[in-house]
Amino acid sequence: MPQIIFLPNEEICPEGAVIEAKPGTTICDAALEHGIEIEHACEKSCACTTCHVIVREGFDSLDEASETEEDLLDKAWGLEPESRLSCQAEVGDEDLVVEIPKYTINQVSENH
């Protein structure tokens, strides 16, 4: 089973984490299942950018982003070429190294 390595994030995952995820599971769902409380203000419906992540390794193993996701990513804080919305990016058969950006455009955390 592929692993997702989350790099340390001061608020969400201070020590970083290594989790296993079934192929086809979104990065967001895998994180939430393992207690990594990544924001998802739109309830994972591809309508905001609060679950924005940067895939540092394994990016090419992910399916291409939809046009809707690409349009939303243009509004994300700290956008990089390897940025994805974690609610849309499904784990493939390769390990991933993921960075959760320090900021989102959300003014208040939803604390799901």
PDB file of N, CA and C in Angstrom:
ATOM      1  N   MET A   1       0.846  -1.175   0.000  1.00  0.00           N
ATOM      2  CA  MET A   1       0.000   0.000   0.000  1.00  0.00           C
ATOM      3  C   MET A   1       0.895   1.243   0.000  1.00  0.00           C
ATOM      4  N   PRO A   2       0.572   2.234  -0.832  1.00  0.00           N
ATOM      5  CA  PRO A   2       1.403   3.450  -0.892  1.00  0.00           C
ATOM      6  C   PRO A   2       1.385   4.222   0.435  1.00  0.00           C
ATOM      7  N   GLN A   3       2.481   4.914   0.673  1.00  0.00           N
ATOM      8  CA  GLN A   3       2.581   5.767   1.849  1.00  0.00           C
ATOM      9  C   GLN A   3       2.470   7.222   1.436  1.00  0.00           C
ATOM     10  N   ILE A   4       1.919   8.020   2.339  1.00  0.00           N
ATOM     11  CA  ILE A   4       1.950   9.468   2.189  1.00  0.00           C
ATOM     12  C   ILE A   4       2.785   9.990   3.341  1.00  0.00           C
ATOM     13  N   ILE A   5       3.832  10.690   3.001  1.00  0.00           N
ATOM     14  CA  ILE A   5       4.701  11.299   4.001  1.00  0.00           C
ATOM     15  C   ILE A   5       4.327  12.776   4.059  1.00  0.00           C
ATOM     16  N   PHE A   6       3.776  13.190   5.192  1.00  0.00           N
ATOM     17  CA  PHE A   6       3.429  14.590   5.397  1.00  0.00           C
ATOM     18  C   PHE A   6       4.604  15.286   6.065  1.00  0.00           C
ATOM     19  N   LEU A   7       5.091  16.323   5.423  1.00  0.00           N
ATOM     20  CA  LEU A   7       6.170  17.112   6.003  1.00  0.00           C
ATOM     21  C   LEU A   7       5.613  17.889   7.196  1.00  0.00           C
ATOM     22  N   PRO A   8       6.461  18.244   8.168  1.00  0.00           N
ATOM     23  CA  PRO A   8       5.962  18.966   9.337  1.00  0.00           C
ATOM     24  C   PRO A   8       5.253  20.265   8.955  1.00  0.00           C
ATOM     25  N   ASN A   9       4.136  20.499   9.623  1.00  0.00           N
ATOM     26  CA  ASN A   9       3.372  21.745   9.516  1.00  0.00           C
ATOM     27  C   ASN A   9       3.131  22.197  10.941  1.00  0.00           C
ATOM     28  N   GLU A  10       3.538  23.401  11.253  1.00  0.00           N
ATOM     29  CA  GLU A  10       3.536  23.903  12.625  1.00  0.00           C
ATOM     30  C   GLU A  10       2.226  23.669  13.373  1.00  0.00           C
ATOM     31  N   GLU A  11       1.098  23.867  12.702  1.00  0.00           N
ATOM     32  CA  GLU A  11      -0.192  23.763  13.391  1.00  0.00           C
ATOM     33  C   GLU A  11      -0.898  22.430  13.180  1.00  0.00           C
ATOM     34  N   ILE A  12      -0.842  21.902  11.982  1.00  0.00           N
ATOM     35  CA  ILE A  12      -1.643  20.724  11.660  1.00  0.00           C
ATOM     36  C   ILE A  12      -0.924  19.422  11.987  1.00  0.00           C
ATOM     37  N   CYS A  13       0.372  19.407  11.764  1.00  0.00           N
ATOM     38  CA  CYS A  13       1.128  18.152  11.889  1.00  0.00           C
ATOM     39  C   CYS A  13       2.575  18.497  12.279  1.00  0.00           C
ATOM     40  N   PRO A  14       2.793  18.988  13.512  1.00  0.00           N
ATOM     41  CA  PRO A  14       4.108  19.526  13.887  1.00  0.00           C
ATOM     42  C   PRO A  14       5.282  18.561  13.706  1.00  0.00           C
ATOM     43  N   GLU A  15       5.067  17.285  13.894  1.00  0.00           N
ATOM     44  CA  GLU A  15       6.147  16.299  13.785  1.00  0.00           C
ATOM     45  C   GLU A  15       6.231  15.669  12.401  1.00  0.00           C
ATOM     46  N   GLY A  16       5.289  16.022  11.526  1.00  0.00           N
ATOM     47  CA  GLY A  16       5.187  15.310  10.261  1.00  0.00           C
ATOM     48  C   GLY A  16       4.518  13.970  10.524  1.00  0.00           C
ATOM     49  N   ALA A  17       4.264  13.207   9.489  1.00  0.00           N
ATOM     50  CA  ALA A  17       3.607  11.906   9.658  1.00  0.00           C
ATOM     51  C   ALA A  17       3.849  11.050   8.430  1.00  0.00           C
ATOM     52  N   VAL A  18       3.815   9.746   8.641  1.00  0.00           N
ATOM     53  CA  VAL A  18       3.877   8.775   7.559  1.00  0.00           C
ATOM     54  C   VAL A  18       2.658   7.881   7.730  1.00  0.00           C
ATOM     55  N   ILE A  19       1.802   7.860   6.703  1.00  0.00           N
ATOM     56  CA  ILE A  19       0.582   7.062   6.770  1.00  0.00           C
ATOM     57  C   ILE A  19       0.483   6.189   5.529  1.00  0.00           C
ATOM     58  N   GLU A  20      -0.329   5.158   5.606  1.00  0.00           N
ATOM     59  CA  GLU A  20      -0.614   4.332   4.439  1.00  0.00           C
ATOM     60  C   GLU A  20      -1.982   4.723   3.899  1.00  0.00           C
ATOM     61  N   ALA A  21      -2.130   4.657   2.584  1.00  0.00           N
ATOM     62  CA  ALA A  21      -3.397   5.026   1.948  1.00  0.00           C
ATOM     63  C   ALA A  21      -3.697   4.057   0.814  1.00  0.00           C
ATOM     64  N   LYS A  22      -4.938   3.669   0.712  1.00  0.00           N
ATOM     65  CA  LYS A  22      -5.359   2.796  -0.387  1.00  0.00           C
ATOM     66  C   LYS A  22      -5.375   3.600  -1.683  1.00  0.00           C
ATOM     67  N   PRO A  23      -4.889   3.015  -2.771  1.00  0.00           N
ATOM     68  CA  PRO A  23      -5.010   3.696  -4.055  1.00  0.00           C
ATOM     69  C   PRO A  23      -6.472   4.054  -4.320  1.00  0.00           C
ATOM     70  N   GLY A  24      -6.686   5.256  -4.853  1.00  0.00           N
ATOM     71  CA  GLY A  24      -8.040   5.736  -5.118  1.00  0.00           C
ATOM     72  C   GLY A  24      -8.597   6.606  -4.010  1.00  0.00           C
ATOM     73  N   THR A  25      -7.953   6.589  -2.839  1.00  0.00           N
ATOM     74  CA  THR A  25      -8.350   7.455  -1.735  1.00  0.00           C
ATOM     75  C   THR A  25      -7.763   8.833  -1.976  1.00  0.00           C
ATOM     76  N   THR A  26      -8.507   9.873  -1.670  1.00  0.00           N
ATOM     77  CA  THR A  26      -7.941  11.212  -1.828  1.00  0.00           C
ATOM     78  C   THR A  26      -6.932  11.478  -0.717  1.00  0.00           C
ATOM     79  N   ILE A  27      -6.009  12.360  -0.992  1.00  0.00           N
ATOM     80  CA  ILE A  27      -5.022  12.754   0.016  1.00  0.00           C
ATOM     81  C   ILE A  27      -5.736  13.305   1.244  1.00  0.00           C
ATOM     82  N   CYS A  28      -6.782  14.100   1.043  1.00  0.00           N
ATOM     83  CA  CYS A  28      -7.538  14.688   2.153  1.00  0.00           C
ATOM     84  C   CYS A  28      -8.174  13.600   3.016  1.00  0.00           C
ATOM     85  N   ASP A  29      -8.863  12.657   2.396  1.00  0.00           N
ATOM     86  CA  ASP A  29      -9.511  11.591   3.159  1.00  0.00           C
ATOM     87  C   ASP A  29      -8.490  10.749   3.920  1.00  0.00           C
ATOM     88  N   ALA A  30      -7.371  10.448   3.290  1.00  0.00           N
ATOM     89  CA  ALA A  30      -6.332   9.665   3.961  1.00  0.00           C
ATOM     90  C   ALA A  30      -5.799  10.423   5.171  1.00  0.00           C
ATOM     91  N   ALA A  31      -5.559  11.707   5.014  1.00  0.00           N
ATOM     92  CA  ALA A  31      -5.066  12.521   6.128  1.00  0.00           C
ATOM     93  C   ALA A  31      -6.066  12.521   7.280  1.00  0.00           C
ATOM     94  N   LEU A  32      -7.327  12.797   6.957  1.00  0.00           N
ATOM     95  CA  LEU A  32      -8.359  12.861   7.994  1.00  0.00           C
ATOM     96  C   LEU A  32      -8.522  11.524   8.713  1.00  0.00           C
ATOM     97  N   GLU A  33      -8.436  10.414   7.973  1.00  0.00           N
ATOM     98  CA  GLU A  33      -8.556   9.085   8.579  1.00  0.00           C
ATOM     99  C   GLU A  33      -7.439   8.796   9.578  1.00  0.00           C
ATOM    100  N   HIS A  34      -6.321   9.514   9.445  1.00  0.00           N
ATOM    101  CA  HIS A  34      -5.181   9.298  10.332  1.00  0.00           C
ATOM    102  C   HIS A  34      -4.972  10.467  11.302  1.00  0.00           C
ATOM    103  N   GLY A  35      -6.012  11.272  11.515  1.00  0.00           N
ATOM    104  CA  GLY A  35      -5.953  12.334  12.519  1.00  0.00           C
ATOM    105  C   GLY A  35      -5.211  13.584  12.102  1.00  0.00           C
ATOM    106  N   ILE A  36      -4.923  13.714  10.819  1.00  0.00           N
ATOM    107  CA  ILE A  36      -4.282  14.937  10.321  1.00  0.00           C
ATOM    108  C   ILE A  36      -5.411  15.844   9.852  1.00  0.00           C
ATOM    109  N   GLU A  37      -5.716  16.848  10.636  1.00  0.00           N
ATOM    110  CA  GLU A  37      -6.915  17.672  10.437  1.00  0.00           C
ATOM    111  C   GLU A  37      -6.705  18.766   9.391  1.00  0.00           C
ATOM    112  N   ILE A  38      -6.530  18.337   8.156  1.00  0.00           N
ATOM    113  CA  ILE A  38      -6.393  19.293   7.061  1.00  0.00           C
ATOM    114  C   ILE A  38      -7.743  19.987   6.845  1.00  0.00           C
ATOM    115  N   GLU A  39      -7.693  21.290   6.608  1.00  0.00           N
ATOM    116  CA  GLU A  39      -8.939  22.027   6.411  1.00  0.00           C
ATOM    117  C   GLU A  39      -9.624  21.583   5.124  1.00  0.00           C
ATOM    118  N   HIS A  40     -10.944  21.668   5.131  1.00  0.00           N
ATOM    119  CA  HIS A  40     -11.749  21.323   3.947  1.00  0.00           C
ATOM    120  C   HIS A  40     -13.106  22.019   4.088  1.00  0.00           C
ATOM    121  N   ALA A  41     -13.068  23.342   3.981  1.00  0.00           N
ATOM    122  CA  ALA A  41     -14.233  24.172   4.268  1.00  0.00           C
ATOM    123  C   ALA A  41     -15.433  23.871   3.371  1.00  0.00           C
ATOM    124  N   CYS A  42     -15.206  23.386   2.167  1.00  0.00           N
ATOM    125  CA  CYS A  42     -16.324  23.115   1.249  1.00  0.00           C
ATOM    126  C   CYS A  42     -16.798  21.669   1.355  1.00  0.00           C
ATOM    127  N   GLU A  43     -16.377  20.975   2.396  1.00  0.00           N
ATOM    128  CA  GLU A  43     -16.741  19.565   2.591  1.00  0.00           C
ATOM    129  C   GLU A  43     -16.272  18.679   1.437  1.00  0.00           C
ATOM    130  N   LYS A  44     -15.096  19.011   0.896  1.00  0.00           N
ATOM    131  CA  LYS A  44     -14.437  18.201  -0.138  1.00  0.00           C
ATOM    132  C   LYS A  44     -15.205  18.158  -1.463  1.00  0.00           C
ATOM    133  N   SER A  45     -15.851  19.267  -1.805  1.00  0.00           N
ATOM    134  CA  SER A  45     -16.648  19.306  -3.037  1.00  0.00           C
ATOM    135  C   SER A  45     -15.969  20.093  -4.169  1.00  0.00           C
ATOM    136  N   CYS A  46     -14.681  20.388  -4.020  1.00  0.00           N
ATOM    137  CA  CYS A  46     -13.929  21.141  -5.037  1.00  0.00           C
ATOM    138  C   CYS A  46     -14.539  22.517  -5.267  1.00  0.00           C
ATOM    139  N   ALA A  47     -14.792  23.224  -4.141  1.00  0.00           N
ATOM    140  CA  ALA A  47     -15.390  24.555  -4.232  1.00  0.00           C
ATOM    141  C   ALA A  47     -14.586  25.617  -3.485  1.00  0.00           C
ATOM    142  N   CYS A  48     -13.436  25.234  -2.913  1.00  0.00           N
ATOM    143  CA  CYS A  48     -12.597  26.213  -2.225  1.00  0.00           C
ATOM    144  C   CYS A  48     -11.146  25.775  -2.362  1.00  0.00           C
ATOM    145  N   THR A  49     -10.240  26.400  -1.630  1.00  0.00           N
ATOM    146  CA  THR A  49      -8.830  26.003  -1.705  1.00  0.00           C
ATOM    147  C   THR A  49      -8.238  25.690  -0.340  1.00  0.00           C
ATOM    148  N   THR A  50      -9.054  25.486   0.666  1.00  0.00           N
ATOM    149  CA  THR A  50      -8.521  25.305   2.014  1.00  0.00           C
ATOM    150  C   THR A  50      -7.748  24.008   2.186  1.00  0.00           C
ATOM    151  N   CYS A  51      -7.945  23.038   1.316  1.00  0.00           N
ATOM    152  CA  CYS A  51      -7.227  21.757   1.427  1.00  0.00           C
ATOM    153  C   CYS A  51      -6.021  21.699   0.486  1.00  0.00           C
ATOM    154  N   HIS A  52      -5.582  22.852   0.004  1.00  0.00           N
ATOM    155  CA  HIS A  52      -4.440  22.944  -0.909  1.00  0.00           C
ATOM    156  C   HIS A  52      -3.200  22.297  -0.286  1.00  0.00           C
ATOM    157  N   VAL A  53      -2.533  21.454  -1.065  1.00  0.00           N
ATOM    158  CA  VAL A  53      -1.260  20.857  -0.663  1.00  0.00           C
ATOM    159  C   VAL A  53      -0.279  20.958  -1.827  1.00  0.00           C
ATOM    160  N   ILE A  54       0.984  20.769  -1.494  1.00  0.00           N
ATOM    161  CA  ILE A  54       2.030  20.726  -2.511  1.00  0.00           C
ATOM    162  C   ILE A  54       2.623  19.319  -2.471  1.00  0.00           C
ATOM    163  N   VAL A  55       2.582  18.644  -3.596  1.00  0.00           N
ATOM    164  CA  VAL A  55       3.072  17.266  -3.683  1.00  0.00           C
ATOM    165  C   VAL A  55       4.540  17.333  -4.096  1.00  0.00           C
ATOM    166  N   ARG A  56       5.421  17.180  -3.110  1.00  0.00           N
ATOM    167  CA  ARG A  56       6.868  17.322  -3.335  1.00  0.00           C
ATOM    168  C   ARG A  56       7.478  16.120  -4.057  1.00  0.00           C
ATOM    169  N   GLU A  57       6.922  14.936  -3.836  1.00  0.00           N
ATOM    170  CA  GLU A  57       7.390  13.734  -4.545  1.00  0.00           C
ATOM    171  C   GLU A  57       6.174  12.889  -4.898  1.00  0.00           C
ATOM    172  N   GLY A  58       6.204  12.300  -6.084  1.00  0.00           N
ATOM    173  CA  GLY A  58       5.116  11.441  -6.529  1.00  0.00           C
ATOM    174  C   GLY A  58       4.021  12.162  -7.291  1.00  0.00           C
ATOM    175  N   PHE A  59       4.232  13.432  -7.610  1.00  0.00           N
ATOM    176  CA  PHE A  59       3.219  14.241  -8.292  1.00  0.00           C
ATOM    177  C   PHE A  59       2.754  13.593  -9.594  1.00  0.00           C
ATOM    178  N   ASP A  60       3.681  13.032 -10.340  1.00  0.00           N
ATOM    179  CA  ASP A  60       3.339  12.465 -11.652  1.00  0.00           C
ATOM    180  C   ASP A  60       2.491  11.195 -11.556  1.00  0.00           C
ATOM    181  N   SER A  61       2.395  10.612 -10.365  1.00  0.00           N
ATOM    182  CA  SER A  61       1.564   9.418 -10.202  1.00  0.00           C
ATOM    183  C   SER A  61       0.089   9.763 -10.006  1.00  0.00           C
ATOM    184  N   LEU A  62      -0.216  11.041  -9.818  1.00  0.00           N
ATOM    185  CA  LEU A  62      -1.599  11.482  -9.626  1.00  0.00           C
ATOM    186  C   LEU A  62      -2.274  11.720 -10.969  1.00  0.00           C
ATOM    187  N   ASP A  63      -3.594  11.513 -11.021  1.00  0.00           N
ATOM    188  CA  ASP A  63      -4.344  11.875 -12.216  1.00  0.00           C
ATOM    189  C   ASP A  63      -4.242  13.380 -12.431  1.00  0.00           C
ATOM    190  N   GLU A  64      -4.456  13.812 -13.648  1.00  0.00           N
ATOM    191  CA  GLU A  64      -4.432  15.248 -13.932  1.00  0.00           C
ATOM    192  C   GLU A  64      -5.569  15.955 -13.218  1.00  0.00           C
ATOM    193  N   ALA A  65      -5.310  17.191 -12.830  1.00  0.00           N
ATOM    194  CA  ALA A  65      -6.339  18.005 -12.194  1.00  0.00           C
ATOM    195  C   ALA A  65      -7.404  18.385 -13.212  1.00  0.00           C
ATOM    196  N   SER A  66      -8.636  18.481 -12.750  1.00  0.00           N
ATOM    197  CA  SER A  66      -9.726  18.931 -13.622  1.00  0.00           C
ATOM    198  C   SER A  66      -9.593  20.437 -13.864  1.00  0.00           C
ATOM    199  N   GLU A  67     -10.320  20.925 -14.840  1.00  0.00           N
ATOM    200  CA  GLU A  67     -10.302  22.356 -15.127  1.00  0.00           C
ATOM    201  C   GLU A  67     -10.820  23.152 -13.930  1.00  0.00           C
ATOM    202  N   THR A  68     -11.838  22.637 -13.251  1.00  0.00           N
ATOM    203  CA  THR A  68     -12.386  23.305 -12.062  1.00  0.00           C
ATOM    204  C   THR A  68     -11.327  23.397 -10.973  1.00  0.00           C
ATOM    205  N   GLU A  69     -10.622  22.298 -10.746  1.00  0.00           N
ATOM    206  CA  GLU A  69      -9.561  22.311  -9.731  1.00  0.00           C
ATOM    207  C   GLU A  69      -8.470  23.303 -10.106  1.00  0.00           C
ATOM    208  N   GLU A  70      -8.059  23.303 -11.360  1.00  0.00           N
ATOM    209  CA  GLU A  70      -7.024  24.236 -11.825  1.00  0.00           C
ATOM    210  C   GLU A  70      -7.455  25.686 -11.604  1.00  0.00           C
ATOM    211  N   ASP A  71      -8.716  25.991 -11.915  1.00  0.00           N
ATOM    212  CA  ASP A  71      -9.223  27.357 -11.719  1.00  0.00           C
ATOM    213  C   ASP A  71      -9.180  27.755 -10.251  1.00  0.00           C
ATOM    214  N   LEU A  72      -9.559  26.837  -9.367  1.00  0.00           N
ATOM    215  CA  LEU A  72      -9.524  27.128  -7.931  1.00  0.00           C
ATOM    216  C   LEU A  72      -8.095  27.282  -7.428  1.00  0.00           C
ATOM    217  N   LEU A  73      -7.202  26.437  -7.912  1.00  0.00           N
ATOM    218  CA  LEU A  73      -5.813  26.513  -7.463  1.00  0.00           C
ATOM    219  C   LEU A  73      -5.200  27.875  -7.745  1.00  0.00           C
ATOM    220  N   ASP A  74      -5.650  28.544  -8.794  1.00  0.00           N
ATOM    221  CA  ASP A  74      -5.142  29.883  -9.097  1.00  0.00           C
ATOM    222  C   ASP A  74      -5.368  30.854  -7.947  1.00  0.00           C
ATOM    223  N   LYS A  75      -6.307  30.533  -7.048  1.00  0.00           N
ATOM    224  CA  LYS A  75      -6.626  31.405  -5.910  1.00  0.00           C
ATOM    225  C   LYS A  75      -5.931  30.975  -4.619  1.00  0.00           C
ATOM    226  N   ALA A  76      -5.233  29.863  -4.653  1.00  0.00           N
ATOM    227  CA  ALA A  76      -4.613  29.314  -3.444  1.00  0.00           C
ATOM    228  C   ALA A  76      -3.386  30.116  -3.031  1.00  0.00           C
ATOM    229  N   TRP A  77      -3.183  30.205  -1.712  1.00  0.00           N
ATOM    230  CA  TRP A  77      -1.996  30.865  -1.184  1.00  0.00           C
ATOM    231  C   TRP A  77      -0.788  29.957  -1.419  1.00  0.00           C
ATOM    232  N   GLY A  78       0.303  30.520  -1.914  1.00  0.00           N
ATOM    233  CA  GLY A  78       1.537  29.764  -2.080  1.00  0.00           C
ATOM    234  C   GLY A  78       1.507  28.752  -3.212  1.00  0.00           C
ATOM    235  N   LEU A  79       0.752  29.037  -4.256  1.00  0.00           N
ATOM    236  CA  LEU A  79       0.623  28.120  -5.387  1.00  0.00           C
ATOM    237  C   LEU A  79       1.988  27.778  -5.991  1.00  0.00           C
ATOM    238  N   GLU A  80       2.194  26.493  -6.267  1.00  0.00           N
ATOM    239  CA  GLU A  80       3.408  26.009  -6.925  1.00  0.00           C
ATOM    240  C   GLU A  80       3.005  25.059  -8.047  1.00  0.00           C
ATOM    241  N   PRO A  81       3.909  24.738  -8.964  1.00  0.00           N
ATOM    242  CA  PRO A  81       3.552  23.830 -10.068  1.00  0.00           C
ATOM    243  C   PRO A  81       3.035  22.472  -9.599  1.00  0.00           C
ATOM    244  N   GLU A  82       3.455  22.027  -8.421  1.00  0.00           N
ATOM    245  CA  GLU A  82       3.031  20.723  -7.896  1.00  0.00           C
ATOM    246  C   GLU A  82       1.875  20.851  -6.906  1.00  0.00           C
ATOM    247  N   SER A  83       1.137  21.955  -6.958  1.00  0.00           N
ATOM    248  CA  SER A  83      -0.002  22.161  -6.063  1.00  0.00           C
ATOM    249  C   SER A  83      -1.203  21.355  -6.523  1.00  0.00           C
ATOM    250  N   ARG A  84      -1.948  20.840  -5.552  1.00  0.00           N
ATOM    251  CA  ARG A  84      -3.207  20.148  -5.815  1.00  0.00           C
ATOM    252  C   ARG A  84      -4.169  20.448  -4.673  1.00  0.00           C
ATOM    253  N   LEU A  85      -5.452  20.276  -4.942  1.00  0.00           N
ATOM    254  CA  LEU A  85      -6.442  20.273  -3.870  1.00  0.00           C
ATOM    255  C   LEU A  85      -6.474  18.847  -3.351  1.00  0.00           C
ATOM    256  N   SER A  86      -6.226  18.679  -2.075  1.00  0.00           N
ATOM    257  CA  SER A  86      -6.110  17.319  -1.541  1.00  0.00           C
ATOM    258  C   SER A  86      -7.423  16.553  -1.583  1.00  0.00           C
ATOM    259  N   CYS A  87      -8.545  17.280  -1.701  1.00  0.00           N
ATOM    260  CA  CYS A  87      -9.841  16.594  -1.793  1.00  0.00           C
ATOM    261  C   CYS A  87     -10.077  16.010  -3.176  1.00  0.00           C
ATOM    262  N   GLN A  88      -9.246  16.371  -4.139  1.00  0.00           N
ATOM    263  CA  GLN A  88      -9.406  15.900  -5.515  1.00  0.00           C
ATOM    264  C   GLN A  88      -8.285  14.963  -5.959  1.00  0.00           C
ATOM    265  N   ALA A  89      -7.132  15.056  -5.327  1.00  0.00           N
ATOM    266  CA  ALA A  89      -5.964  14.269  -5.732  1.00  0.00           C
ATOM    267  C   ALA A  89      -6.041  12.872  -5.120  1.00  0.00           C
ATOM    268  N   GLU A  90      -6.240  11.874  -5.964  1.00  0.00           N
ATOM    269  CA  GLU A  90      -6.337  10.495  -5.501  1.00  0.00           C
ATOM    270  C   GLU A  90      -4.972   9.814  -5.530  1.00  0.00           C
ATOM    271  N   VAL A  91      -4.696   9.089  -4.468  1.00  0.00           N
ATOM    272  CA  VAL A  91      -3.445   8.349  -4.346  1.00  0.00           C
ATOM    273  C   VAL A  91      -3.392   7.290  -5.442  1.00  0.00           C
ATOM    274  N   GLY A  92      -2.241   7.199  -6.093  1.00  0.00           N
ATOM    275  CA  GLY A  92      -2.034   6.158  -7.106  1.00  0.00           C
ATOM    276  C   GLY A  92      -1.289   4.996  -6.480  1.00  0.00           C
ATOM    277  N   ASP A  93      -0.294   4.472  -7.194  1.00  0.00           N
ATOM    278  CA  ASP A  93       0.442   3.333  -6.669  1.00  0.00           C
ATOM    279  C   ASP A  93       1.843   3.698  -6.205  1.00  0.00           C
ATOM    280  N   GLU A  94       2.154   4.998  -6.152  1.00  0.00           N
ATOM    281  CA  GLU A  94       3.469   5.457  -5.693  1.00  0.00           C
ATOM    282  C   GLU A  94       3.337   6.193  -4.367  1.00  0.00           C
ATOM    283  N   ASP A  95       4.423   6.169  -3.591  1.00  0.00           N
ATOM    284  CA  ASP A  95       4.470   6.953  -2.364  1.00  0.00           C
ATOM    285  C   ASP A  95       4.457   8.433  -2.716  1.00  0.00           C
ATOM    286  N   LEU A  96       3.932   9.234  -1.798  1.00  0.00           N
ATOM    287  CA  LEU A  96       3.859  10.678  -1.979  1.00  0.00           C
ATOM    288  C   LEU A  96       4.542  11.381  -0.812  1.00  0.00           C
ATOM    289  N   VAL A  97       5.155  12.503  -1.093  1.00  0.00           N
ATOM    290  CA  VAL A  97       5.639  13.405  -0.050  1.00  0.00           C
ATOM    291  C   VAL A  97       4.837  14.689  -0.227  1.00  0.00           C
ATOM    292  N   VAL A  98       4.120  15.066   0.835  1.00  0.00           N
ATOM    293  CA  VAL A  98       3.161  16.160   0.757  1.00  0.00           C
ATOM    294  C   VAL A  98       3.486  17.233   1.780  1.00  0.00           C
ATOM    295  N   GLU A  99       3.424  18.472   1.329  1.00  0.00           N
ATOM    296  CA  GLU A  99       3.576  19.629   2.214  1.00  0.00           C
ATOM    297  C   GLU A  99       2.234  20.335   2.327  1.00  0.00           C
ATOM    298  N   ILE A 100       1.809  20.603   3.547  1.00  0.00           N
ATOM    299  CA  ILE A 100       0.605  21.395   3.781  1.00  0.00           C
ATOM    300  C   ILE A 100       1.074  22.831   3.973  1.00  0.00           C
ATOM    301  N   PRO A 101       0.658  23.752   3.095  1.00  0.00           N
ATOM    302  CA  PRO A 101       1.127  25.137   3.219  1.00  0.00           C
ATOM    303  C   PRO A 101       0.770  25.748   4.575  1.00  0.00           C
ATOM    304  N   LYS A 102       1.567  26.715   4.959  1.00  0.00           N
ATOM    305  CA  LYS A 102       1.388  27.369   6.258  1.00  0.00           C
ATOM    306  C   LYS A 102       0.073  28.128   6.335  1.00  0.00           C
ATOM    307  N   TYR A 103      -0.372  28.680   5.219  1.00  0.00           N
ATOM    308  CA  TYR A 103      -1.577  29.506   5.222  1.00  0.00           C
ATOM    309  C   TYR A 103      -2.597  29.001   4.209  1.00  0.00           C
ATOM    310  N   THR A 104      -3.858  29.348   4.449  1.00  0.00           N
ATOM    311  CA  THR A 104      -4.920  29.185   3.461  1.00  0.00           C
ATOM    312  C   THR A 104      -5.581  30.547   3.300  1.00  0.00           C
ATOM    313  N   ILE A 105      -6.486  30.652   2.338  1.00  0.00           N
ATOM    314  CA  ILE A 105      -7.208  31.917   2.182  1.00  0.00           C
ATOM    315  C   ILE A 105      -8.371  32.011   3.159  1.00  0.00           C
ATOM    316  N   ASN A 106      -8.594  30.957   3.940  1.00  0.00           N
ATOM    317  CA  ASN A 106      -9.657  30.946   4.942  1.00  0.00           C
ATOM    318  C   ASN A 106      -9.289  31.885   6.076  1.00  0.00           C
ATOM    319  N   GLN A 107     -10.196  32.748   6.480  1.00  0.00           N
ATOM    320  CA  GLN A 107      -9.948  33.664   7.577  1.00  0.00           C
ATOM    321  C   GLN A 107     -10.038  32.955   8.929  1.00  0.00           C
ATOM    322  N   VAL A 108     -10.897  31.951   9.018  1.00  0.00           N
ATOM    323  CA  VAL A 108     -11.129  31.242  10.276  1.00  0.00           C
ATOM    324  C   VAL A 108     -11.105  29.750   9.997  1.00  0.00           C
ATOM    325  N   SER A 109     -10.425  29.012  10.848  1.00  0.00           N
ATOM    326  CA  SER A 109     -10.397  27.557  10.691  1.00  0.00           C
ATOM    327  C   SER A 109     -11.771  26.975  10.974  1.00  0.00           C
ATOM    328  N   GLU A 110     -12.168  26.014  10.161  1.00  0.00           N
ATOM    329  CA  GLU A 110     -13.482  25.401  10.311  1.00  0.00           C
ATOM    330  C   GLU A 110     -13.489  24.339  11.401  1.00  0.00           C
ATOM    331  N   ASN A 111     -12.313  23.821  11.771  1.00  0.00           N
ATOM    332  CA  ASN A 111     -12.182  22.777  12.804  1.00  0.00           C
ATOM    333  C   ASN A 111     -13.164  21.630  12.609  1.00  0.00           C
ATOM    334  N   HIS A 112     -13.045  20.947  11.501  1.00  0.00           N
ATOM    335  CA  HIS A 112     -13.949  19.821  11.221  1.00  0.00           C
ATOM    336  C   HIS A 112     -13.623  18.685  12.130  1.00  0.00           C
TER     337      HIS A 112
END
